[in-house]
């Protein structure tokens, strides 16, 4: 189940879904869209905050709350410091382009089944790459992963993506590399 939360930053904010007006919100007011599907586009005439919630209905553990970045800030290169084998991390890559997109990935501490690590994401569709699968094996010295392509795409991570949802159940959107900084906030600094 996927739900989208939209909160307005200013009064009389018009919110559209796929080009159709669905609400006018005042500052601090929110809208819940319970039937979000792949490819939905939410736009507004003023500043809004958009979060996507995903999980299994009735689960005692599984919930991912993912802050979204505006479409115009999507990039062609992303970095992720996270990867787990205990509760495998899955990277969901979305291609908004009208043609398929080859996304390459590399970093330290993992191996691929071929000489170059790449996957093809279908046009206007998503593809899930699971850490620990045949496409992405981790070693003990894993230090992160970089995704890059010739055109813009979007990536978010699901930690504990094996369907059990009871180990390290969380997720995060990857930030395009051109928007990263040298400052970091560490929420869980194991090791």
Protein backbone atom coordinates (compact mmCIF):
# COMPACT_ATOMS: atom_id res chain seq x y z
CA UNK A 1 0.00 0.00 0.00
CA UNK A 2 1.33 3.46 -0.95
CA UNK A 3 0.04 6.76 0.44
CA UNK A 4 1.16 10.30 -0.42
CA UNK A 5 1.08 13.13 2.13
CA UNK A 6 1.18 16.71 0.83
CA UNK A 7 1.50 19.72 3.14
CA UNK A 8 1.18 23.34 2.00
CA UNK A 9 3.65 26.06 2.95
CA UNK A 10 1.35 28.94 1.99
CA UNK A 11 -2.37 29.76 1.95
CA UNK A 12 -4.45 28.98 -1.12
CA UNK A 13 -2.02 26.41 -2.51
CA UNK A 14 -3.52 24.52 -5.44
CA UNK A 15 -2.48 20.86 -5.61
CA UNK A 16 -2.85 18.86 -8.81
CA UNK A 17 -2.52 15.15 -9.50
CA UNK A 18 -1.63 14.28 -13.08
CA UNK A 19 -2.75 17.79 -14.12
CA UNK A 20 -6.14 17.70 -12.35
CA UNK A 21 -6.88 19.96 -9.37
CA UNK A 22 -7.51 17.78 -6.28
CA UNK A 23 -7.30 20.31 -3.43
CA UNK A 24 -6.67 23.88 -2.35
CA UNK A 25 -4.75 23.95 0.94
CA UNK A 26 -3.87 26.67 3.42
CA UNK A 27 -0.45 26.87 5.11
CA UNK A 28 0.19 23.89 7.38
CA UNK A 29 -2.82 21.94 6.10
CA UNK A 30 -2.27 18.53 4.57
CA UNK A 31 -3.81 16.22 2.02
CA UNK A 32 -3.66 12.42 2.10
CA UNK A 33 -3.81 10.60 -1.24
CA UNK A 34 -4.42 6.93 -0.46
CA UNK A 35 -4.37 5.44 -3.96
CA UNK A 36 -0.99 6.61 -5.30
CA UNK A 37 0.28 4.56 -8.24
CA UNK A 38 3.52 4.40 -10.23
CA UNK A 39 3.83 7.40 -12.53
CA UNK A 40 1.53 9.74 -10.58
CA UNK A 41 2.68 13.37 -10.74
CA UNK A 42 1.78 15.86 -8.01
CA UNK A 43 2.26 19.57 -8.74
CA UNK A 44 1.36 22.79 -6.98
CA UNK A 45 1.40 26.52 -7.63
CA UNK A 46 3.19 27.20 -4.30
CA UNK A 47 5.70 25.44 -2.05
CA UNK A 48 4.62 22.03 -0.69
CA UNK A 49 6.25 19.20 1.19
CA UNK A 50 5.58 15.73 -0.23
CA UNK A 51 6.19 12.42 1.54
CA UNK A 52 5.43 8.91 0.35
CA UNK A 53 4.52 6.22 2.88
CA UNK A 54 4.77 2.58 1.91
CA UNK A 55 4.33 -0.64 3.83
CA UNK A 56 2.18 -3.67 4.41
CA UNK A 57 -1.28 -2.99 5.84
CA UNK A 58 -1.58 -4.61 9.26
CA UNK A 59 2.16 -5.14 9.71
CA UNK A 60 3.54 -4.51 13.19
CA UNK A 61 6.91 -3.33 11.78
CA UNK A 62 6.90 -2.41 8.12
CA UNK A 63 6.67 1.29 7.25
CA UNK A 64 8.82 3.53 5.11
CA UNK A 65 8.31 7.31 5.18
CA UNK A 66 10.17 8.85 2.25
CA UNK A 67 10.53 12.63 1.81
CA UNK A 68 10.43 13.43 -1.89
CA UNK A 69 12.54 15.85 -3.90
CA UNK A 70 11.01 17.98 -6.67
CA UNK A 71 11.12 16.50 -10.17
CA UNK A 72 13.21 19.41 -11.46
CA UNK A 73 15.94 18.46 -8.95
CA UNK A 74 16.26 14.80 -10.00
CA UNK A 75 19.70 13.92 -11.26
CA UNK A 76 21.76 11.46 -13.25
CA UNK A 77 24.18 10.46 -10.43
CA UNK A 78 23.33 9.31 -6.88
CA UNK A 79 25.30 8.00 -3.90
CA UNK A 80 24.19 5.64 -1.14
CA UNK A 81 26.22 4.74 1.95
CA UNK A 82 23.87 1.96 3.05
CA UNK A 83 23.73 -1.73 2.30
CA UNK A 84 22.71 -4.60 4.55
CA UNK A 85 22.83 -8.34 4.17
CA UNK A 86 20.96 -9.11 7.43
CA UNK A 87 17.92 -7.15 6.23
CA UNK A 88 18.80 -6.62 2.55
CA UNK A 89 18.66 -3.15 1.05
CA UNK A 90 16.74 -2.74 -2.18
CA UNK A 91 17.25 0.23 -4.47
CA UNK A 92 14.19 1.26 -6.45
CA UNK A 93 15.21 3.08 -9.62
CA UNK A 94 12.53 5.02 -11.52
CA UNK A 95 13.00 6.10 -15.13
CA UNK A 96 10.67 9.00 -16.09
CA UNK A 97 12.02 9.12 -19.65
CA UNK A 98 10.16 7.95 -22.79
CA UNK A 99 12.95 5.47 -23.62
CA UNK A 100 14.67 2.78 -21.55
CA UNK A 101 17.69 3.90 -19.51
CA UNK A 102 20.89 2.03 -18.71
CA UNK A 103 21.97 2.76 -15.14
CA UNK A 104 25.49 1.82 -14.10
CA UNK A 105 26.55 1.23 -10.51
CA UNK A 106 29.89 0.90 -8.82
CA UNK A 107 31.67 1.31 -5.50
CA UNK A 108 33.85 -0.62 -3.08
CA UNK A 109 32.96 -3.89 -1.41
CA UNK A 110 30.55 -5.51 -3.83
CA UNK A 111 30.72 -7.57 -6.97
CA UNK A 112 28.58 -7.99 -10.07
CA UNK A 113 27.96 -11.06 -12.23
CA UNK A 114 29.46 -9.36 -15.29
CA UNK A 115 32.46 -7.15 -16.07
CA UNK A 116 30.36 -3.97 -15.95
CA UNK A 117 27.66 -3.37 -13.36
CA UNK A 118 24.59 -2.04 -15.13
CA UNK A 119 20.87 -2.57 -15.41
CA UNK A 120 18.29 -1.32 -17.89
CA UNK A 121 15.26 0.44 -16.44
CA UNK A 122 12.23 0.41 -18.77
CA UNK A 123 10.73 3.72 -19.90
CA UNK A 124 8.36 5.36 -17.42
CA UNK A 125 8.77 2.39 -15.09
CA UNK A 126 10.81 1.23 -12.13
CA UNK A 127 13.25 -1.56 -11.44
CA UNK A 128 14.30 -2.98 -8.06
CA UNK A 129 17.93 -3.92 -7.40
CA UNK A 130 18.31 -5.96 -4.18
CA UNK A 131 21.61 -6.11 -2.29
CA UNK A 132 22.59 -9.77 -1.94
CA UNK A 133 20.88 -10.76 -5.19
CA UNK A 134 22.74 -12.17 -8.18
CA UNK A 135 23.12 -8.62 -9.54
CA UNK A 136 24.73 -7.15 -6.40
CA UNK A 137 26.77 -9.18 -3.89
CA UNK A 138 28.28 -7.40 -0.85
CA UNK A 139 31.58 -8.15 0.85
CA UNK A 140 32.64 -7.25 4.39
CA UNK A 141 34.38 -4.06 3.24
CA UNK A 142 31.31 -2.50 1.59
CA UNK A 143 31.54 1.31 1.65
CA UNK A 144 28.70 2.52 -0.53
CA UNK A 145 27.33 2.52 -4.05
CA UNK A 146 27.09 5.06 -6.85
CA UNK A 147 24.33 4.96 -9.49
CA UNK A 148 24.78 6.94 -12.71
CA UNK A 149 23.27 7.25 -16.19
CA UNK A 150 23.21 9.53 -19.23
CA UNK A 151 19.80 10.96 -18.33
CA UNK A 152 17.86 11.86 -15.19
CA UNK A 153 16.23 9.20 -13.01
CA UNK A 154 15.18 8.81 -9.37
CA UNK A 155 16.31 6.36 -6.66
CA UNK A 156 15.18 5.47 -3.17
CA UNK A 157 16.37 2.76 -0.81
CA UNK A 158 14.34 0.23 1.18
CA UNK A 159 16.30 -1.27 4.06
CA UNK A 160 15.14 -4.72 5.19
CA UNK A 161 13.54 -5.37 1.83
CA UNK A 162 13.24 -9.15 2.10
CA UNK A 163 9.55 -9.06 2.88
CA UNK A 164 9.97 -9.90 6.56
CA UNK A 165 9.91 -6.25 7.68
CA UNK A 166 11.11 -6.85 11.23
CA UNK A 167 14.87 -6.12 11.33
CA UNK A 168 15.97 -2.66 10.20
CA UNK A 169 12.81 -1.51 8.49
CA UNK A 170 13.33 1.96 7.05
CA UNK A 171 14.04 3.73 3.81
CA UNK A 172 15.35 6.96 2.33
CA UNK A 173 15.46 8.84 -0.96
CA UNK A 174 18.91 9.16 -2.48
CA UNK A 175 20.01 12.73 -3.08
CA UNK A 176 21.44 13.63 -6.51
CA UNK A 177 25.22 13.96 -6.27
CA UNK A 178 25.21 17.59 -7.43
CA UNK A 179 23.10 18.47 -4.37
CA UNK A 180 25.22 16.72 -1.74
CA UNK A 181 27.43 18.54 0.78
CA UNK A 182 30.41 17.67 2.93
CA UNK A 183 28.26 17.70 6.08
CA UNK A 184 26.49 14.61 7.37
CA UNK A 185 24.09 13.72 10.18
CA UNK A 186 24.59 10.16 11.42
CA UNK A 187 21.46 8.60 12.89
CA UNK A 188 22.93 5.16 13.57
CA UNK A 189 26.72 5.03 13.77
CA UNK A 190 27.45 1.34 14.31
CA UNK A 191 31.03 0.14 14.33
